[in-house]
Amino acid sequence: MTTVEVATTPTEVAPPGAPSGAALPRWLAVAAALGAGEALLVAFPNYGLWWCAPIGVALLALAVHRRGFWAGTGLGALTGLTWYVMLLSWTRIVGGTAPWLILSLLEAGFLALMAGAAAWCSPLVDRYRWTWPLLTGALWTAQEALRDRVPFGGFPWGRLAFSQGNSPLLRYAAVGGAPLVTFVVALAGGLLAWALWIGLRSPVRAGALLAVLVALGLSGLAVPTGTPAGPPVTVAIVQGNVPRLGLEFNAQRRAVLDNHVDATLALAAQVRQGTATQPDLVVWPENASDIDPLIAEDADARARISQAADAIRAPILVGTLLYGPGDHTRNVALVWQPGTGPGDTYVKRHPVPFAEYMPLRSLARLVSDRVDLVRSDFVGGDRPGVLRVGPARVGVAICFEVAYDGLVRDTVTGGAQLLAVQTNNADFDPAEAGQQLAMVRLRAVEHGRDALMVSTVGISGFATADGRATDLTGFNTRAVRVRQLRLGTDRTLATAVGPAPEDMLVGLGVLGLAAATLLRRRIRQTREEL
């Protein structure tokens, strides 16, 4: 009797210790990676299809499962580029094409690293399938934690949490901040990936997993959010607009200041006529005055701001620039009192690299001819942005600072009763403004504070402590909004515990990688013994 051995040739030869079993065919994995990038993109403003975020997570998880580290890294890079090139397209307006693409590539690199780590964990997932959702959530959280910090202080744009403005999952921010929201979104994506992976072979189990997924999505409705219980305060936000959008904004400094003064004077006239409510405080945006009003050479700017404050009979929180120390500049929020003029200031703690200061200037010139538009490097402040403005202690974040967990939390632990984000979107577009507003909404829920965002050109508006956006302005228009807010004093659990949830979730991801490494070593040793 003759025995015939039939050799089977796998479509992809795995290296020693790589996960065994069939991965998705290459063409399908590439399609899934591309689809993941598109799904993640449309989850964010201006699209706002928040439920696409877990779909994108699931597609990437399926694409890299049972692949080696480098194959997973490549697929993750494909997802990242598909996502970030479009999500960050607004950076091209101010930086040009090359910086936009370099930033997109850098951000995609973090996602690629995470996808490679997910692929590395495949043997662990195959042995203990229940770990798939947990590892997916933990690795996403760890990736964001790293990206939020490096290089040059990090760039947190595109965190999964910031896509959930209209989702029930947003309420998890009150428990564990943005890291917990990201974890829950990615956990949902991991559950969906698991259900799809076993769907044809075990439809009953897949259906049960989908039921768990739906329950997870609805669970956010049961999460309590903070409710400001302090006295009411009437706040006016002034969006003065600029003569022209784009980098020319900086050449229009006096016109921009005049726009904000004139809009405030118009509000004061309405108050006198009884057609508008008298505000307790007024907030102007970042760069409302790009003229330093505290130096003698710019006494006219000082006079105009005083004119506005005296007319409205309320303190104005002015976004302005102060020159010094030395050749440097500071981006500040300055309290301007009626009758007495300038008071306390908050200096922006996190100047934006390559926009407000220029690291590696000589090297950056090789990438963009706009480098020397940053003539004077901005320097950061060293204390949280808590300012007394009329009856309220206001927690101030300037522009991109709202994206950083610690900078916002420091204002609340420092006594802030409401949150104010001053920003200048004249160099960008409505997509960037919408993405920033989503961050403001999350911060309101995270800390149980009513919040506002005021921009030179829009979008401006308010966010309630449960995350609802109200009184929104249009883009590239002059507008004033007046609303009654409540001051908050209590702390949410997220405020109290600070970075602890993120630390634990990152630790879970590291533990998963360590367990996967040990399991791979055991598999390799077993194969060698055979």
Protein backbone atom coordinates (compact mmCIF):
# COMPACT_ATOMS: atom_id res chain seq x y z
CA MET A 1 0.00 0.00 0.00
CA THR A 2 1.40 3.37 -0.98
CA THR A 3 0.84 6.46 1.12
CA VAL A 4 0.65 9.70 -0.77
CA GLU A 5 1.40 12.90 1.14
CA VAL A 6 -0.24 16.00 -0.25
CA ALA A 7 1.60 19.23 0.51
CA THR A 8 -0.45 22.33 1.06
CA THR A 9 1.01 25.70 0.29
CA PRO A 10 -0.29 28.57 2.42
CA THR A 11 -1.02 31.83 0.73
CA GLU A 12 1.29 33.59 3.19
CA VAL A 13 4.31 31.94 4.81
CA ALA A 14 4.47 32.88 8.47
CA PRO A 15 7.76 33.37 10.31
CA PRO A 16 8.54 31.22 13.37
CA GLY A 17 6.31 32.14 16.27
CA ALA A 18 3.80 33.94 14.07
CA PRO A 19 0.11 33.15 14.63
CA SER A 20 -1.16 30.04 12.96
CA GLY A 21 -4.42 29.67 11.05
CA ALA A 22 -5.91 31.58 8.19
CA ALA A 23 -5.85 35.35 8.17
CA LEU A 24 -8.03 37.31 5.82
CA PRO A 25 -6.83 37.08 2.21
CA ARG A 26 -4.41 39.88 1.43
CA TRP A 27 -6.74 41.70 -0.91
CA LEU A 28 -9.52 41.58 1.68
CA ALA A 29 -7.19 42.73 4.46
CA VAL A 30 -6.11 45.71 2.35
CA ALA A 31 -9.73 46.54 1.58
CA ALA A 32 -10.61 46.27 5.29
CA ALA A 33 -7.71 48.57 6.22
CA LEU A 34 -8.81 51.16 3.66
CA GLY A 35 -12.40 50.84 4.82
CA ALA A 36 -11.27 51.31 8.42
CA GLY A 37 -9.66 54.63 7.53
CA GLU A 38 -12.76 55.85 5.74
CA ALA A 39 -15.05 54.76 8.59
CA LEU A 40 -12.89 56.53 11.16
CA LEU A 41 -12.84 59.68 9.04
CA VAL A 42 -16.62 59.99 8.75
CA ALA A 43 -17.04 59.39 12.49
CA PHE A 44 -15.64 62.89 13.11
CA PRO A 45 -17.02 66.32 12.29
CA ASN A 46 -17.95 67.56 9.75
CA TYR A 47 -19.52 64.18 8.99
CA GLY A 48 -20.36 63.26 12.58
CA LEU A 49 -21.34 59.61 11.99
CA TRP A 50 -20.14 58.60 15.46
CA TRP A 51 -21.28 54.98 15.11
CA CYS A 52 -18.73 54.51 12.32
CA ALA A 53 -15.87 54.75 14.84
CA PRO A 54 -16.32 51.19 16.24
CA ILE A 55 -16.83 49.94 12.68
CA GLY A 56 -13.46 51.40 11.71
CA VAL A 57 -11.84 49.84 14.78
CA ALA A 58 -13.39 46.46 13.92
CA LEU A 59 -12.24 46.54 10.29
CA LEU A 60 -8.66 47.25 11.29
CA ALA A 61 -8.76 44.53 13.95
CA LEU A 62 -9.96 42.02 11.35
CA ALA A 63 -7.36 43.13 8.80
CA VAL A 64 -4.38 42.55 11.10
CA HIS A 65 -5.56 39.45 12.95
CA ARG A 66 -3.29 36.41 12.48
CA ARG A 67 -0.67 38.43 10.68
CA GLY A 68 2.91 39.13 11.66
CA PHE A 69 4.02 42.37 13.28
CA TRP A 70 5.30 44.03 10.11
CA ALA A 71 2.29 43.05 8.03
CA GLY A 72 0.05 44.48 10.74
CA THR A 73 2.14 47.64 10.83
CA GLY A 74 1.78 48.11 7.09
CA LEU A 75 -1.98 47.66 7.21
CA GLY A 76 -2.20 50.09 10.13
CA ALA A 77 -0.22 52.66 8.15
CA LEU A 78 -2.66 52.25 5.28
CA THR A 79 -5.58 52.91 7.63
CA GLY A 80 -3.81 55.84 9.24
CA LEU A 81 -2.98 57.58 5.99
CA THR A 82 -6.48 57.06 4.62
CA TRP A 83 -7.83 58.63 7.80
CA TYR A 84 -5.43 61.40 8.77
CA VAL A 85 -4.65 62.85 5.35
CA MET A 86 -8.29 63.90 5.11
CA LEU A 87 -8.98 64.53 8.82
CA LEU A 88 -6.07 66.98 8.99
CA SER A 89 -6.52 68.54 5.56
CA TRP A 90 -7.23 71.89 7.22
CA THR A 91 -3.57 72.12 8.30
CA ARG A 92 -2.63 72.60 4.65
CA ILE A 93 -4.24 76.06 4.71
CA VAL A 94 -1.72 77.45 7.18
CA GLY A 95 1.25 75.11 6.73
CA GLY A 96 1.23 74.13 3.08
CA THR A 97 1.19 70.73 1.44
CA ALA A 98 4.46 69.27 2.74
CA PRO A 99 3.84 69.96 6.48
CA TRP A 100 0.28 68.63 6.14
CA LEU A 101 1.49 65.37 4.64
CA ILE A 102 4.34 65.03 7.14
CA LEU A 103 1.96 65.52 10.07
CA SER A 104 -0.48 63.00 8.58
CA LEU A 105 2.35 60.51 8.11
CA LEU A 106 3.52 61.02 11.69
CA GLU A 107 0.04 60.48 13.11
CA ALA A 108 -0.43 57.42 10.89
CA GLY A 109 2.82 56.05 12.29
CA PHE A 110 1.31 55.77 15.77
CA LEU A 111 -1.67 53.88 14.37
CA ALA A 112 0.69 51.62 12.42
CA LEU A 113 2.59 50.79 15.59
CA MET A 114 -0.67 49.95 17.37
CA ALA A 115 -1.84 47.76 14.48
CA GLY A 116 1.44 45.88 14.57
CA ALA A 117 0.98 45.35 18.30
CA ALA A 118 -2.55 44.05 17.69
CA ALA A 119 -1.22 41.60 15.11
CA TRP A 120 1.45 40.50 17.58
CA CYS A 121 -1.28 39.66 20.09
CA SER A 122 -3.11 37.35 17.65
CA PRO A 123 -1.99 34.06 19.31
CA LEU A 124 -3.29 35.30 22.64
CA VAL A 125 -6.59 36.32 21.05
CA ASP A 126 -6.90 32.93 19.32
CA ARG A 127 -6.31 31.08 22.57
CA TYR A 128 -8.47 33.33 24.75
CA ARG A 129 -10.99 34.90 22.40
CA TRP A 130 -12.54 37.00 25.16
CA THR A 131 -9.34 39.06 25.28
CA TRP A 132 -9.92 40.47 21.80
CA PRO A 133 -12.23 43.35 22.79
CA LEU A 134 -10.19 44.15 25.91
CA LEU A 135 -6.89 44.21 24.05
CA THR A 136 -8.37 46.27 21.25
CA GLY A 137 -9.58 48.88 23.71
CA ALA A 138 -6.35 48.90 25.71
CA LEU A 139 -4.07 49.17 22.68
CA TRP A 140 -6.09 52.04 21.22
CA THR A 141 -5.91 53.86 24.55
CA ALA A 142 -2.17 53.27 24.81
CA GLN A 143 -1.60 54.51 21.26
CA GLU A 144 -3.48 57.70 22.00
CA ALA A 145 -1.63 58.20 25.28
CA LEU A 146 1.69 58.07 23.43
CA ARG A 147 0.51 60.24 20.55
CA ASP A 148 -0.85 62.84 22.97
CA ARG A 149 2.62 63.37 24.42
CA VAL A 150 5.29 62.97 21.73
CA PRO A 151 6.90 64.59 19.85
CA PHE A 152 6.98 68.22 21.00
CA GLY A 153 4.25 67.64 23.56
CA GLY A 154 2.06 65.53 21.27
CA PHE A 155 -0.90 66.16 18.99
CA PRO A 156 -4.14 64.59 20.30
CA TRP A 157 -6.28 65.31 17.23
CA GLY A 158 -8.35 62.34 16.11
CA ARG A 159 -8.81 60.63 19.47
CA LEU A 160 -11.73 58.22 19.26
CA ALA A 161 -13.33 60.00 22.21
CA PHE A 162 -13.61 63.20 20.18
CA SER A 163 -15.86 61.48 17.63
CA GLN A 164 -18.59 60.71 20.15
CA GLY A 165 -20.27 64.10 20.60
CA ASN A 166 -23.74 62.76 19.79
CA SER A 167 -23.21 59.25 21.15
CA PRO A 168 -24.47 57.80 24.44
CA LEU A 169 -20.87 56.77 25.07
CA LEU A 170 -19.88 60.43 25.56
CA ARG A 171 -21.26 60.22 29.09
CA TYR A 172 -18.43 57.86 30.07
CA ALA A 173 -16.23 60.97 30.04
CA ALA A 174 -17.72 61.88 33.42
CA VAL A 175 -16.25 58.66 34.85
CA GLY A 176 -12.85 58.33 33.20
CA GLY A 177 -12.36 61.22 30.82
CA ALA A 178 -11.40 60.94 27.17
CA PRO A 179 -9.25 57.80 27.72
CA LEU A 180 -12.23 55.83 29.03
CA VAL A 181 -14.45 56.97 26.15
CA THR A 182 -11.78 55.86 23.68
CA PHE A 183 -11.50 52.51 25.46
CA VAL A 184 -15.24 51.88 25.35
CA VAL A 185 -15.47 52.82 21.65
CA ALA A 186 -12.57 50.51 20.80
CA LEU A 187 -14.00 47.81 23.07
CA ALA A 188 -17.18 48.01 21.01
CA GLY A 189 -15.07 47.68 17.87
CA GLY A 190 -13.38 44.60 19.31
CA LEU A 191 -16.75 43.02 20.07
CA LEU A 192 -17.87 43.71 16.51
CA ALA A 193 -14.68 42.18 15.10
CA TRP A 194 -15.20 39.06 17.22
CA ALA A 195 -18.80 38.73 16.06
CA LEU A 196 -17.85 39.12 12.40
CA TRP A 197 -14.94 36.66 12.72
CA ILE A 198 -17.13 33.84 14.01
CA GLY A 199 -20.33 34.92 12.27
CA LEU A 200 -20.63 32.20 9.62
CA ARG A 201 -19.29 29.41 11.80
CA SER A 202 -21.30 30.24 14.90
CA PRO A 203 -24.22 32.56 14.12
CA VAL A 204 -25.80 32.09 17.55
CA ARG A 205 -22.66 33.21 19.40
CA ALA A 206 -22.20 36.03 16.92
CA GLY A 207 -25.75 37.18 17.58
CA ALA A 208 -25.10 37.11 21.32
CA LEU A 209 -22.00 39.25 20.85
CA LEU A 210 -23.96 41.75 18.79
CA ALA A 211 -26.54 41.92 21.58
CA VAL A 212 -23.73 42.68 24.04
CA LEU A 213 -22.47 45.34 21.63
CA VAL A 214 -25.87 47.03 21.52
CA ALA A 215 -26.13 46.88 25.30
CA LEU A 216 -22.69 48.47 25.59
CA GLY A 217 -23.74 51.28 23.28
CA LEU A 218 -26.86 51.98 25.30
CA SER A 219 -25.09 51.65 28.64
CA GLY A 220 -23.86 55.21 28.38
CA LEU A 221 -27.40 56.43 28.93
CA ALA A 222 -27.19 55.08 32.48
CA VAL A 223 -23.97 56.94 33.30
CA PRO A 224 -24.74 60.02 35.42
CA THR A 225 -23.20 63.32 34.39
CA GLY A 226 -22.44 66.30 36.56
CA THR A 227 -25.01 69.06 36.92
CA PRO A 228 -23.76 72.54 37.84
CA ALA A 229 -25.75 73.60 40.87
CA GLY A 230 -24.27 77.03 41.49
CA PRO A 231 -25.81 80.41 40.80
CA PRO A 232 -26.66 81.46 37.24
CA VAL A 233 -24.36 83.75 35.29
CA THR A 234 -25.11 85.47 31.99
CA VAL A 235 -22.27 85.15 29.49
CA ALA A 236 -21.84 86.89 26.13
CA ILE A 237 -19.47 85.55 23.49
CA VAL A 238 -18.36 87.86 20.69
CA GLN A 239 -17.30 86.52 17.29
CA GLY A 240 -16.09 89.64 15.54
CA ASN A 241 -14.95 87.96 12.30
CA VAL A 242 -11.96 89.00 10.15
CA PRO A 243 -11.82 90.87 6.84
CA ARG A 244 -10.23 87.92 5.03
CA LEU A 245 -9.62 84.30 6.00
CA GLY A 246 -6.15 82.76 5.78
CA LEU A 247 -2.66 83.79 6.80
CA GLU A 248 -3.40 87.40 5.82
CA PHE A 249 -5.33 87.50 9.11
CA ASN A 250 -2.13 88.58 10.87
CA ALA A 251 -1.84 91.64 8.62
CA GLN A 252 -5.35 92.74 9.63
CA ARG A 253 -4.71 93.14 13.33
CA ARG A 254 -6.36 96.51 13.84
CA ALA A 255 -9.38 95.60 11.71
CA VAL A 256 -9.91 92.42 13.75
CA LEU A 257 -9.74 94.33 17.03
CA ASP A 258 -12.17 96.93 15.70
CA ASN A 259 -14.57 94.17 14.64
CA HIS A 260 -14.72 92.79 18.18
CA VAL A 261 -15.03 96.23 19.74
CA ASP A 262 -17.81 97.20 17.34
CA ALA A 263 -19.72 93.96 17.93
CA THR A 264 -19.50 94.54 21.68
CA LEU A 265 -20.66 98.14 21.31
CA ALA A 266 -23.63 96.90 19.28
CA LEU A 267 -24.50 94.46 22.06
CA ALA A 268 -24.25 97.28 24.61
CA ALA A 269 -26.69 99.33 22.55
CA GLN A 270 -29.13 96.41 22.47
CA VAL A 271 -28.84 96.06 26.25
CA ARG A 272 -29.68 99.75 26.71
CA GLN A 273 -32.67 99.35 24.39
CA GLY A 274 -33.88 96.33 26.35
CA THR A 275 -33.57 93.91 23.41
CA ALA A 276 -30.64 91.97 24.88
CA THR A 277 -29.82 90.73 28.38
CA GLN A 278 -27.10 92.48 30.34
CA PRO A 279 -24.18 90.03 30.54
CA ASP A 280 -22.20 89.44 33.72
CA LEU A 281 -19.10 88.82 31.64
CA VAL A 282 -18.03 88.89 28.00
CA VAL A 283 -15.56 86.57 26.29
CA TRP A 284 -13.61 87.50 23.18
CA PRO A 285 -11.67 84.88 21.19
CA GLU A 286 -7.97 84.19 20.89
CA ASN A 287 -6.25 86.90 18.81
CA ALA A 288 -9.19 89.27 19.11
CA SER A 289 -6.42 91.80 19.69
CA ASP A 290 -3.13 90.86 18.09
CA ILE A 291 -1.93 94.26 19.26
CA ASP A 292 -0.38 94.35 22.74
CA PRO A 293 -2.68 96.76 24.60
CA LEU A 294 -0.29 97.15 27.54
CA ILE A 295 2.51 99.01 25.77
CA ALA A 296 2.57 102.76 25.19
CA GLU A 297 2.98 102.42 21.44
CA ASP A 298 -0.43 100.72 21.25
CA ALA A 299 -2.36 103.09 23.52
CA ASP A 300 -5.12 103.31 20.92
CA ALA A 301 -5.78 99.57 21.22
CA ARG A 302 -6.02 99.99 24.98
CA ALA A 303 -8.50 102.82 24.55
CA ARG A 304 -10.72 100.81 22.21
CA ILE A 305 -10.88 97.79 24.53
CA SER A 306 -11.69 100.10 27.46
CA GLN A 307 -14.42 101.69 25.34
CA ALA A 308 -16.00 98.27 24.80
CA ALA A 309 -15.76 97.24 28.47
CA ASP A 310 -17.17 100.55 29.69
CA ALA A 311 -20.04 100.38 27.22
CA ILE A 312 -21.08 96.83 28.08
CA ARG A 313 -20.53 97.46 31.83
CA ALA A 314 -19.01 94.02 32.33
CA PRO A 315 -15.50 92.57 32.37
CA ILE A 316 -14.22 91.25 29.05
CA LEU A 317 -11.92 88.25 28.79
CA VAL A 318 -9.73 89.39 25.90
CA GLY A 319 -7.62 87.08 23.77
CA THR A 320 -4.49 89.06 22.99
CA LEU A 321 -0.71 88.98 22.63
CA LEU A 322 1.82 90.41 25.06
CA TYR A 323 5.37 91.11 23.92
CA GLY A 324 8.28 89.76 25.95
CA PRO A 325 10.24 88.54 27.70
CA GLY A 326 13.01 89.62 25.35
CA ASP A 327 12.24 88.82 21.74
CA HIS A 328 9.51 86.36 22.68
CA THR A 329 5.73 86.72 22.65
CA ARG A 330 2.98 85.36 24.89
CA ASN A 331 -0.50 84.24 23.87
CA VAL A 332 -2.74 85.34 26.72
CA ALA A 333 -6.25 85.69 28.07
CA LEU A 334 -6.47 89.09 29.73
CA VAL A 335 -9.27 90.23 32.05
CA TRP A 336 -10.32 93.79 31.17
CA GLN A 337 -12.47 95.54 33.77
CA PRO A 338 -14.84 98.42 32.99
CA GLY A 339 -13.45 101.61 34.47
CA THR A 340 -10.10 100.22 35.57
CA GLY A 341 -8.81 98.37 32.51
CA PRO A 342 -6.40 95.40 32.42
CA GLY A 343 -6.24 92.88 35.25
CA ASP A 344 -5.19 89.26 35.63
CA THR A 345 -3.78 87.24 32.75
CA TYR A 346 -3.41 83.61 31.78
CA VAL A 347 -0.48 82.76 29.52
CA LYS A 348 -1.05 79.83 27.18
CA ARG A 349 0.89 76.90 28.61
CA HIS A 350 1.21 74.80 25.46
CA PRO A 351 2.30 76.90 22.46
CA VAL A 352 1.82 75.03 19.20
CA PRO A 353 5.09 73.79 17.65
CA PHE A 354 5.71 74.95 14.07
CA ALA A 355 2.91 77.49 14.43
CA GLU A 356 3.61 79.54 17.58
CA TYR A 357 7.24 78.57 17.96
CA MET A 358 9.60 76.97 15.48
CA PRO A 359 11.70 74.02 16.65
CA LEU A 360 14.36 72.86 14.21
CA ARG A 361 13.94 76.11 12.29
CA SER A 362 16.76 75.53 9.79
CA LEU A 363 15.48 72.03 9.02
CA ALA A 364 11.88 73.21 8.81
CA ARG A 365 12.87 75.72 6.10
CA LEU A 366 13.62 72.77 3.84
CA VAL A 367 9.99 71.67 4.16
CA SER A 368 8.06 74.94 4.01
CA ASP A 369 8.73 78.47 2.81
CA ARG A 370 6.35 79.76 5.49
CA VAL A 371 8.65 79.03 8.43
CA ASP A 372 9.82 82.60 8.91
CA LEU A 373 6.25 83.84 9.21
CA VAL A 374 6.82 82.78 12.84
CA ARG A 375 9.22 85.65 13.48
CA SER A 376 9.03 85.57 17.27
CA ASP A 377 8.81 82.32 19.20
CA PHE A 378 6.00 82.17 21.73
CA VAL A 379 6.82 81.12 25.28
CA GLY A 380 4.44 79.20 27.51
CA GLY A 381 3.07 80.05 30.91
CA ASP A 382 3.54 78.01 34.06
CA ARG A 383 0.20 78.14 35.88
CA PRO A 384 -3.31 76.83 35.18
CA GLY A 385 -5.77 79.09 33.40
CA VAL A 386 -8.10 80.06 36.24
CA LEU A 387 -9.23 83.68 36.15
CA ARG A 388 -11.83 85.61 38.11
CA VAL A 389 -14.05 87.30 35.52
CA GLY A 390 -16.94 89.10 37.17
CA PRO A 391 -18.90 86.66 39.34
CA ALA A 392 -17.25 83.53 37.89
CA ARG A 393 -13.99 81.69 38.20
CA VAL A 394 -13.35 80.77 34.58
CA GLY A 395 -11.18 77.87 33.44
CA VAL A 396 -9.43 79.08 30.29
CA ALA A 397 -7.96 76.94 27.53
CA ILE A 398 -6.54 78.68 24.46
CA CYS A 399 -7.10 76.99 21.12
CA PHE A 400 -5.52 73.51 20.88
CA GLU A 401 -5.09 73.33 24.67
CA VAL A 402 -8.63 71.95 24.90
CA ALA A 403 -7.32 68.71 23.37
CA TYR A 404 -4.97 68.02 26.30
CA ASP A 405 -6.49 66.27 29.30
CA GLY A 406 -4.24 67.69 32.00
CA LEU A 407 -4.40 71.32 30.90
CA VAL A 408 -8.19 71.40 31.19
CA ARG A 409 -8.36 69.34 34.39
CA ASP A 410 -5.88 71.67 36.09
CA THR A 411 -8.33 74.55 35.72
CA VAL A 412 -11.15 72.62 37.39
CA THR A 413 -9.02 71.35 40.26
CA GLY A 414 -7.84 74.95 40.55
CA GLY A 415 -11.40 76.12 41.20
CA ALA A 416 -12.88 76.87 37.77
CA GLN A 417 -16.67 77.07 37.81
CA LEU A 418 -17.15 77.14 34.04
CA LEU A 419 -14.89 76.46 31.05
CA ALA A 420 -13.99 78.90 28.27
CA VAL A 421 -12.08 77.97 25.14
CA GLN A 422 -10.75 80.93 23.17
CA THR A 423 -9.68 80.06 19.65
CA ASN A 424 -8.79 81.59 16.30
CA ASN A 425 -9.93 79.51 13.34
CA ALA A 426 -9.28 82.17 10.70
CA ASP A 427 -6.31 80.14 9.45
CA PHE A 428 -8.37 76.96 9.10
CA ASP A 429 -11.84 75.88 7.94
CA PRO A 430 -15.22 74.74 9.34
CA ALA A 431 -14.06 71.12 9.67
CA GLU A 432 -11.33 72.08 12.13
CA ALA A 433 -13.74 74.27 14.07
CA GLY A 434 -16.27 71.44 14.29
CA GLN A 435 -13.62 69.02 15.49
CA GLN A 436 -12.57 71.49 18.17
CA LEU A 437 -16.16 72.03 19.30
CA ALA A 438 -16.45 68.26 19.80
CA MET A 439 -13.56 68.48 22.27
CA VAL A 440 -15.29 71.28 24.17
CA ARG A 441 -18.43 69.15 24.48
CA LEU A 442 -16.41 66.26 25.90
CA ARG A 443 -14.64 68.51 28.41
CA ALA A 444 -17.99 69.84 29.62
CA VAL A 445 -19.16 66.29 30.37
CA GLU A 446 -15.80 65.20 31.74
CA HIS A 447 -15.74 67.89 34.41
CA GLY A 448 -19.43 68.62 34.92
CA ARG A 449 -19.08 72.24 33.87
CA ASP A 450 -20.97 74.39 31.42
CA ALA A 451 -18.56 75.48 28.73
CA LEU A 452 -18.17 77.84 25.81
CA MET A 453 -16.04 78.14 22.72
CA VAL A 454 -15.53 81.52 21.09
CA SER A 455 -13.71 81.95 17.79
CA THR A 456 -12.72 84.93 15.69
CA VAL A 457 -14.64 83.50 12.72
CA GLY A 458 -16.63 80.52 14.06
CA ILE A 459 -17.75 78.09 15.12
CA SER A 460 -18.64 79.66 18.48
CA GLY A 461 -21.23 78.47 20.96
CA PHE A 462 -21.97 76.87 24.31
CA ALA A 463 -21.87 73.31 25.63
CA THR A 464 -23.92 72.19 28.60
CA ALA A 465 -22.52 69.89 31.25
CA ASP A 466 -24.31 66.93 29.64
CA GLY A 467 -22.60 67.58 26.30
CA ARG A 468 -25.29 69.38 24.30
CA ALA A 469 -24.09 72.14 21.95
CA THR A 470 -26.29 75.24 21.85
CA ASP A 471 -26.43 78.71 20.28
CA LEU A 472 -23.90 77.86 17.58
CA THR A 473 -22.75 80.53 15.15
CA GLY A 474 -21.99 80.18 11.48
CA PHE A 475 -18.51 80.25 9.98
CA ASN A 476 -16.92 83.46 8.66
CA THR A 477 -19.66 85.69 10.07
CA ARG A 478 -19.93 88.30 12.80
CA ALA A 479 -22.12 87.07 15.63
CA VAL A 480 -22.84 87.59 19.31
CA ARG A 481 -24.48 85.02 21.57
CA VAL A 482 -25.77 85.62 25.10
CA ARG A 483 -26.72 82.71 27.33
CA GLN A 484 -27.31 81.99 30.99
CA LEU A 485 -24.99 79.33 32.37
CA ARG A 486 -24.73 77.70 35.78
CA LEU A 487 -21.57 77.77 37.83
CA GLY A 488 -20.32 74.38 38.98
CA THR A 489 -18.43 73.47 42.12
CA ASP A 490 -18.72 69.69 42.46
CA ARG A 491 -16.17 67.36 40.91
CA THR A 492 -16.98 64.44 38.66
CA LEU A 493 -15.27 61.12 39.19
CA ALA A 494 -13.16 61.85 36.10
CA THR A 495 -11.93 65.10 37.63
CA ALA A 496 -11.18 63.40 40.93
CA VAL A 497 -9.20 60.45 39.57
CA GLY A 498 -7.38 62.34 36.82
CA PRO A 499 -5.04 60.20 34.70
CA ALA A 500 -5.60 57.00 36.72
CA PRO A 501 -8.00 55.35 34.20
CA GLU A 502 -5.59 56.01 31.35
CA ASP A 503 -2.68 54.62 33.37
CA MET A 504 -4.61 51.43 34.13
CA LEU A 505 -5.73 50.93 30.53
CA VAL A 506 -2.23 51.51 29.19
CA GLY A 507 -1.00 49.00 31.75
CA LEU A 508 -3.57 46.51 30.49
CA GLY A 509 -2.23 46.96 26.96
CA VAL A 510 1.35 46.44 28.10
CA LEU A 511 0.30 43.35 30.04
CA GLY A 512 -1.41 41.97 26.93
CA LEU A 513 1.72 42.51 24.83
CA ALA A 514 3.84 40.77 27.46
CA ALA A 515 1.44 37.81 27.63
CA ALA A 516 1.41 37.55 23.82
CA THR A 517 5.21 37.59 23.75
CA LEU A 518 5.42 34.77 26.30
CA LEU A 519 2.84 32.74 24.39
CA ARG A 520 4.71 33.22 21.11
CA ARG A 521 7.91 32.06 22.79
CA ARG A 522 6.15 28.96 24.07
CA ILE A 523 4.75 28.24 20.60
CA ARG A 524 8.21 28.60 19.08
CA GLN A 525 9.76 26.28 21.66
CA THR A 526 7.04 23.69 21.06
CA ARG A 527 7.65 23.78 17.31
CA GLU A 528 11.38 23.41 17.78
CA GLU A 529 10.86 20.38 20.02
CA LEU A 530 8.73 18.78 17.30
